[in-house]
Amino acid sequence: MRHIYSLDHFALLVRDLDRSVAFYTDILGFTPIERTGSGNVAWLDIGGGDAIHLIQGEFGATHLTKDTHVAVSTADFDALVADLNAGGIPFTDWPGNPGRIGVHRNGFRQIYVQDPDGYWIEINDHRPPAV
């Protein structure tokens, strides 16, 4: 039987919740979701009904590489790149060239940024959300 899915949320383990929330809200523009409960978790709306959950805890043996990344798409890729440049936020293409925009073999543009814990975030214009 085939099931139809959509993304509800993804969760990342972080070392410092406040620092991570600041990165995802101030740099990427995600919006906090009001909730009650544990003080070591923050939920952020990334758009389109999707969310990220940031969970502060023991980072331990967490191993991060660019191959294990989260990808988001934006409707105004050029404006996002301009904002990153204006804010001095480093980004790379897939091979790791600083400040370079990559072009996927399927024709869409993509860049990679790292959050405060070293998670790789791909930002692309592959399937931009409707505006």
Protein backbone atom coordinates (compact mmCIF):
# COMPACT_ATOMS: atom_id res chain seq x y z
CA MET A 1 0.00 0.00 0.00
CA ARG A 2 1.32 3.45 -0.92
CA HIS A 3 0.96 6.26 1.60
CA ILE A 4 1.12 9.98 0.92
CA TYR A 5 3.28 12.04 3.25
CA SER A 6 4.19 15.64 3.80
CA LEU A 7 6.85 17.06 6.07
CA ASP A 8 5.55 18.01 9.49
CA HIS A 9 8.83 18.90 11.20
CA PHE A 10 12.43 17.91 11.60
CA ALA A 11 14.36 18.07 14.86
CA LEU A 12 17.97 18.98 15.54
CA LEU A 13 19.92 18.42 18.73
CA VAL A 14 21.70 21.66 19.70
CA ARG A 15 24.24 22.68 22.33
CA ASP A 16 22.83 26.13 23.16
CA LEU A 17 19.13 26.69 22.48
CA ASP A 18 19.21 30.50 22.63
CA ARG A 19 22.16 30.70 20.22
CA SER A 20 20.47 28.32 17.77
CA VAL A 21 17.11 30.09 17.96
CA ALA A 22 18.88 33.39 17.23
CA PHE A 23 20.56 31.89 14.14
CA TYR A 24 17.38 30.39 12.70
CA THR A 25 15.25 33.48 13.40
CA ASP A 26 17.73 36.30 12.75
CA ILE A 27 19.68 34.77 9.84
CA LEU A 28 17.15 32.49 8.12
CA GLY A 29 13.99 34.32 9.17
CA PHE A 30 12.12 31.36 10.69
CA THR A 31 9.30 32.33 13.08
CA PRO A 32 8.94 31.08 16.69
CA ILE A 33 5.88 28.95 17.40
CA GLU A 34 4.31 29.66 20.78
CA ARG A 35 4.06 26.56 22.93
CA THR A 36 4.12 25.38 26.51
CA GLY A 37 6.29 22.64 27.88
CA SER A 38 9.94 21.91 28.33
CA GLY A 39 12.38 24.80 28.42
CA ASN A 40 14.95 22.88 26.40
CA VAL A 41 12.91 22.81 23.16
CA ALA A 42 11.97 25.54 20.68
CA TRP A 43 9.69 25.15 17.68
CA LEU A 44 10.11 27.41 14.64
CA ASP A 45 7.86 27.78 11.60
CA ILE A 46 9.88 27.53 8.38
CA GLY A 47 6.88 28.25 6.13
CA GLY A 48 4.32 26.17 4.31
CA GLY A 49 3.17 24.52 7.52
CA ASP A 50 6.58 22.92 8.12
CA ALA A 51 8.60 23.36 11.29
CA ILE A 52 11.96 22.77 12.90
CA HIS A 53 12.27 21.64 16.50
CA LEU A 54 15.50 22.61 18.26
CA ILE A 55 16.26 20.45 21.26
CA GLN A 56 19.04 21.41 23.65
CA GLY A 57 20.86 18.44 25.04
CA GLU A 58 24.06 16.44 25.24
CA PHE A 59 25.62 16.70 21.79
CA GLY A 60 27.89 13.75 22.59
CA ALA A 61 29.13 11.82 19.59
CA THR A 62 27.01 13.69 17.05
CA HIS A 63 28.93 13.59 13.76
CA LEU A 64 28.13 16.22 11.13
CA THR A 65 29.02 16.23 7.44
CA LYS A 66 27.65 18.14 4.48
CA ASP A 67 26.18 14.88 3.14
CA THR A 68 23.78 14.92 6.10
CA HIS A 69 22.01 18.23 5.63
CA VAL A 70 18.62 19.90 5.72
CA ALA A 71 17.42 21.62 2.55
CA VAL A 72 14.96 24.48 2.31
CA SER A 73 13.78 26.36 -0.74
CA THR A 74 13.14 30.09 -1.00
CA ALA A 75 11.09 32.10 -3.47
CA ASP A 76 13.64 34.94 -3.53
CA PHE A 77 17.02 33.24 -3.65
CA ASP A 78 18.83 36.37 -4.86
CA ALA A 79 17.54 38.46 -1.94
CA LEU A 80 18.55 35.76 0.54
CA VAL A 81 22.09 35.61 -0.87
CA ALA A 82 22.28 39.42 -0.72
CA ASP A 83 21.15 39.35 2.94
CA LEU A 84 23.77 36.74 3.81
CA ASN A 85 26.48 38.77 2.08
CA ALA A 86 25.35 41.99 3.80
CA GLY A 87 25.38 40.25 7.18
CA GLY A 88 28.78 38.65 6.65
CA ILE A 89 27.26 35.17 6.92
CA PRO A 90 29.52 32.70 5.12
CA PHE A 91 28.15 30.23 2.60
CA THR A 92 29.63 27.82 0.08
CA ASP A 93 28.69 25.77 -2.93
CA TRP A 94 28.64 21.95 -2.64
CA PRO A 95 32.42 21.54 -3.18
CA GLY A 96 33.04 24.13 -0.43
CA ASN A 97 34.07 27.21 -2.41
CA PRO A 98 33.39 30.23 -0.15
CA GLY A 99 30.81 32.71 -1.45
CA ARG A 100 29.99 30.64 -4.54
CA ILE A 101 26.50 29.71 -5.70
CA GLY A 102 26.26 26.18 -7.01
CA VAL A 103 24.03 24.94 -9.80
CA HIS A 104 22.60 21.47 -9.35
CA ARG A 105 22.70 19.15 -12.35
CA ASN A 106 18.91 19.65 -12.60
CA GLY A 107 19.39 23.41 -13.04
CA PHE A 108 18.41 24.91 -9.70
CA ARG A 109 20.77 27.10 -7.66
CA GLN A 110 21.95 26.16 -4.19
CA ILE A 111 24.18 27.33 -1.36
CA TYR A 112 25.17 25.82 1.99
CA VAL A 113 25.42 27.56 5.36
CA GLN A 114 26.29 26.11 8.76
CA ASP A 115 24.37 26.78 11.94
CA PRO A 116 26.13 27.38 15.28
CA ASP A 117 26.40 23.62 15.94
CA GLY A 118 27.83 22.82 12.50
CA TYR A 119 24.68 21.45 10.86
CA TRP A 120 24.67 22.08 7.12
CA ILE A 121 21.63 23.86 5.69
CA GLU A 122 21.15 23.83 1.92
CA ILE A 123 19.16 26.77 0.61
CA ASN A 124 17.96 26.53 -2.96
CA ASP A 125 15.45 27.77 -5.51
CA HIS A 126 14.40 24.26 -6.55
CA ARG A 127 10.73 24.38 -5.60
CA PRO A 128 10.13 27.84 -4.18
CA PRO A 129 7.00 28.19 -2.08
CA ALA A 130 4.11 30.11 -3.59
CA VAL A 131 4.16 33.75 -2.58
